Protein backbone atom coordinates (compact mmCIF):
# COMPACT_ATOMS: atom_id res chain seq x y z
CA MET A 1 2.74 -22.48 -15.22
CA THR A 2 -0.29 -21.11 -16.99
CA SER A 3 0.46 -20.19 -20.62
CA THR A 4 0.47 -16.44 -20.52
CA SER A 5 -0.76 -16.56 -24.30
CA LEU A 6 -3.66 -18.41 -23.16
CA LEU A 7 -4.17 -16.16 -20.30
CA LYS A 8 -4.78 -13.05 -23.13
CA LYS A 9 -6.62 -15.31 -25.46
CA GLN A 10 -9.25 -16.60 -22.92
CA TYR A 11 -9.51 -13.89 -20.49
CA GLY A 12 -8.03 -10.82 -22.02
CA PHE A 13 -5.59 -9.82 -19.28
CA VAL A 14 -3.70 -6.69 -19.31
CA GLY A 15 -0.61 -8.75 -18.00
CA VAL A 16 0.60 -11.52 -15.68
CA CYS A 17 3.12 -11.13 -12.66
CA VAL A 18 5.46 -13.81 -12.45
CA PRO A 19 8.15 -14.20 -9.71
CA PRO A 20 11.74 -12.96 -10.83
CA PHE A 21 12.69 -16.44 -11.45
CA TRP A 22 10.39 -17.57 -13.67
CA VAL A 23 10.35 -14.60 -16.20
CA ARG A 24 12.89 -15.72 -18.73
CA ARG A 25 10.61 -18.96 -19.28
CA ALA A 26 7.39 -16.87 -19.18
CA PHE A 27 8.63 -14.63 -21.88
CA ARG A 28 9.41 -17.49 -23.69
CA GLU A 29 6.06 -19.10 -23.46
CA ARG A 30 4.36 -15.67 -24.35
CA GLY A 31 5.75 -15.81 -27.89
CA ASN A 32 4.04 -13.20 -29.72
CA ALA A 33 0.64 -12.56 -27.35
CA LYS A 34 0.35 -9.10 -26.46
CA ILE A 35 0.30 -9.26 -22.78
CA PHE A 36 2.65 -7.42 -20.65
CA LEU A 37 5.21 -9.70 -18.45
CA VAL A 38 5.47 -8.18 -15.16
CA THR A 39 7.47 -9.01 -12.06
CA VAL A 40 8.70 -7.97 -8.51
CA ALA A 41 11.82 -6.21 -7.49
CA GLY A 42 12.65 -5.36 -3.49
CA PHE A 43 10.05 -8.05 -2.62
CA PRO A 44 8.15 -8.44 -0.23
CA LEU A 45 9.88 -6.30 2.57
CA GLY A 46 11.32 -3.48 0.32
CA TYR A 47 14.38 -2.94 2.78
CA ASN A 48 16.94 -4.15 0.41
CA MET A 49 20.13 -2.16 -0.45
CA THR A 50 19.10 0.27 -3.54
CA GLU A 51 21.63 -1.27 -5.56
CA THR A 52 20.32 -4.77 -4.97
CA LYS A 53 16.79 -3.34 -6.16
CA LEU A 54 18.43 -2.39 -9.28
CA ASP A 55 20.12 -5.21 -10.02
CA GLU A 56 16.78 -7.10 -9.54
CA ILE A 57 15.17 -4.69 -11.84
CA LYS A 58 18.00 -4.82 -14.63
CA ARG A 59 18.08 -8.38 -14.65
CA ALA A 60 14.28 -8.69 -15.06
CA ILE A 61 14.41 -6.53 -18.09
CA ASP A 62 17.04 -8.38 -19.69
CA ASN A 63 14.98 -11.57 -19.44
CA GLY A 64 12.09 -10.05 -20.70
CA ALA A 65 9.91 -8.28 -18.15
CA ASP A 66 7.92 -5.36 -19.73
CA GLU A 67 6.98 -3.88 -16.20
CA ILE A 68 8.47 -4.13 -12.76
CA ASP A 69 6.79 -3.57 -9.50
CA VAL A 70 9.32 -2.47 -6.84
CA VAL A 71 8.71 -2.64 -3.05
CA TRP A 72 9.37 0.80 -1.66
CA ASN A 73 11.62 1.19 1.45
CA LEU A 74 8.93 1.65 4.14
CA THR A 75 11.58 1.77 6.92
CA SER A 76 13.62 4.53 4.90
CA PHE A 77 10.44 6.64 4.44
CA LYS A 78 9.07 6.02 8.30
CA THR A 79 12.74 7.43 9.59
CA GLY A 80 12.03 10.33 7.32
CA ILE A 81 15.40 10.18 5.58
CA PRO A 82 15.51 11.70 2.12
CA TRP A 83 16.72 8.71 0.25
CA THR A 84 13.38 6.91 -0.20
CA LYS A 85 12.61 9.31 -3.12
CA ILE A 86 16.26 9.01 -4.57
CA GLU A 87 15.99 4.95 -4.61
CA ILE A 88 12.63 5.16 -6.59
CA ALA A 89 13.85 7.77 -8.98
CA LYS A 90 17.21 5.49 -9.40
CA CYS A 91 14.78 2.77 -10.11
CA ALA A 92 12.46 4.77 -12.21
CA LYS A 93 15.32 5.92 -14.43
CA LEU A 94 16.57 2.64 -15.02
CA ALA A 95 13.19 1.13 -15.88
CA HIS A 96 12.42 4.05 -18.39
CA ASP A 97 15.84 3.86 -19.93
CA HIS A 98 14.69 0.67 -21.06
CA GLU A 99 11.51 1.92 -21.91
CA ARG A 100 9.50 -0.21 -19.08
CA LEU A 101 7.06 0.66 -16.55
CA LEU A 102 7.61 1.14 -13.02
CA LYS A 103 5.15 0.67 -10.39
CA VAL A 104 5.94 1.41 -6.61
CA ILE A 105 4.37 -0.84 -3.54
CA ILE A 106 4.08 1.50 -0.68
CA GLU A 107 2.21 -1.31 1.57
CA THR A 108 -0.96 1.09 2.59
CA ALA A 109 -1.77 -1.29 5.49
CA TYR A 110 0.96 0.12 7.42
CA LEU A 111 0.15 3.54 6.44
CA SER A 112 -1.96 6.38 8.05
CA PRO A 113 -3.93 8.87 5.57
CA SER A 114 -1.82 11.44 5.52
CA GLU A 115 1.17 9.16 4.95
CA ILE A 116 -0.55 7.79 1.92
CA GLU A 117 -1.03 11.33 0.49
CA GLU A 118 2.87 11.89 1.42
CA ALA A 119 3.68 8.67 -0.27
CA CYS A 120 1.70 9.28 -3.23
CA LYS A 121 3.16 12.45 -4.15
CA LEU A 122 6.82 11.13 -3.50
CA CYS A 123 6.35 8.57 -5.82
CA ALA A 124 4.81 10.55 -8.72
CA ASP A 125 7.46 13.54 -7.89
CA ALA A 126 10.20 10.47 -8.20
CA GLY A 127 9.10 9.27 -11.87
CA ALA A 128 6.75 6.41 -10.95
CA ASP A 129 4.39 5.19 -13.45
CA PHE A 130 1.89 3.89 -10.95
CA VAL A 131 1.53 3.42 -7.50
CA LYS A 132 0.53 0.07 -5.85
CA THR A 133 -1.31 -0.81 -2.49
CA SER A 134 0.10 -3.71 -1.47
CA THR A 135 2.33 -6.76 -2.13
CA GLY A 136 -0.82 -9.19 -0.59
CA MET A 137 1.77 -9.97 2.02
CA ALA A 138 0.32 -7.36 4.70
CA PRO A 139 -2.21 -7.68 7.40
CA ALA A 140 -4.41 -5.91 4.90
CA GLY A 141 -4.59 -5.28 1.21
CA ALA A 142 -6.36 -2.52 -0.98
CA THR A 143 -9.32 -0.94 0.14
CA VAL A 144 -11.79 1.46 -1.59
CA GLU A 145 -10.96 4.19 1.04
CA HIS A 146 -7.40 4.05 0.49
CA VAL A 147 -7.69 3.90 -3.38
CA THR A 148 -9.75 6.90 -3.08
CA LEU A 149 -7.28 8.72 -1.38
CA MET A 150 -4.83 7.92 -3.73
CA LYS A 151 -6.73 9.10 -6.87
CA LYS A 152 -7.42 12.60 -5.03
CA VAL A 153 -3.77 12.74 -4.64
CA LEU A 154 -2.21 11.43 -7.57
CA PRO A 155 -1.81 13.34 -10.89
CA PRO A 156 -3.19 11.83 -13.88
CA SER A 157 -0.42 10.54 -15.63
CA VAL A 158 0.37 7.95 -12.45
CA GLY A 159 -1.90 5.16 -12.47
CA ILE A 160 -3.04 3.25 -9.27
CA LYS A 161 -2.73 -0.82 -9.06
CA ALA A 162 -5.01 -2.11 -6.49
CA SER A 163 -3.41 -5.21 -5.08
CA GLY A 164 -3.90 -7.35 -2.36
CA GLY A 165 -6.78 -9.37 -0.76
CA ILE A 166 -8.80 -8.85 -4.04
CA ARG A 167 -10.98 -12.40 -4.69
CA THR A 168 -14.52 -11.36 -5.91
CA PHE A 169 -15.94 -9.38 -8.64
CA ASP A 170 -17.83 -6.98 -6.51
CA GLN A 171 -14.34 -6.03 -4.75
CA ALA A 172 -12.59 -5.14 -8.18
CA ALA A 173 -15.31 -3.11 -9.28
CA ALA A 174 -15.73 -1.16 -6.41
CA LEU A 175 -11.93 -0.69 -6.65
CA VAL A 176 -12.11 0.79 -10.28
CA LYS A 177 -14.73 2.86 -9.47
CA ALA A 178 -12.77 4.48 -6.59
CA GLY A 179 -9.81 4.89 -9.04
CA ALA A 180 -7.91 1.91 -9.65
CA SER A 181 -6.52 1.78 -13.31
CA ARG A 182 -5.01 -1.75 -12.69
CA ILE A 183 -6.19 -4.82 -10.28
CA GLY A 184 -3.72 -7.14 -9.35
CA SER A 185 -4.93 -10.52 -8.27
CA SER A 186 -4.24 -14.15 -8.14
CA SER A 187 -8.34 -14.61 -8.57
CA GLY A 188 -8.00 -13.17 -11.66
CA VAL A 189 -9.53 -16.13 -13.45
CA SER A 190 -12.16 -16.69 -10.92
CA ILE A 191 -13.20 -13.08 -10.83
CA LEU A 192 -13.74 -12.96 -14.50
CA ASN A 193 -15.66 -16.38 -14.08
CA GLU A 194 -18.23 -14.70 -11.76
CA THR A 195 -20.08 -13.15 -14.24
CA THR A 196 -20.49 -13.93 -18.07
CA ASN A 197 -20.22 -10.14 -18.81
CA PRO A 198 -17.72 -9.03 -16.75
CA LEU A 199 -17.36 -5.62 -18.32
CA LYS A 200 -21.13 -4.86 -18.04
C-alpha cells in the first residue's frame, strides 16, 4: 500500500480511497498527515440491506475513515419506491452524527438525463454532502455532459465527485471545468505527472 502521508506530501491529494478492509491500516500509516481517508459502503452494486450499509459506515468511522462513498440502491430508485431517499437520509445522519462526510454514488451510466436530475435532487434533499458519478464498475464513468447536468441541478452546498474512467489530465480538467469539485481516479499520480504545473 502506498503511504497516505507520501501521497499528501508529494502530490497534494485531498484524500486517498481504500477498501474497507484497509481503513484501519491506512489510518495508522497516515499519522498526522492532513489527508482525508475515504472508503466505500454498499460497494459496488448498492443493493445491500440498509442495515448492512449502516453497519459498514459505522465500522469505517470507528476504524478512522473521514469520508464515506456509499453506493445508492439503484434498483430501489428504478422501482420508484420512497425507500431510496430514506436510506440515504439514514446514512447521512450516521455520518454527520460523527462529523464525517457522505458521498452518494448514483452510477450515472445507468440513468437517463431526467433520472440524473431526479437523483441529484433526491440526494441533496436527503442530506448528501456530495453526489458521485460512478463506482468505476459500470460500462461508462464520468462524462462532461453528466457533470454539467449535475451542476445545474445541485445546490451550491452539495459537491460533485467525478469518478470512473478518468485517466488523463485533460479529462480531469474538463470535468472540473464542468463543475466537479472532486476527482476520483486510480490514475491520480500519472495524471499529475503529465505536466510539471498541473494547476496552471
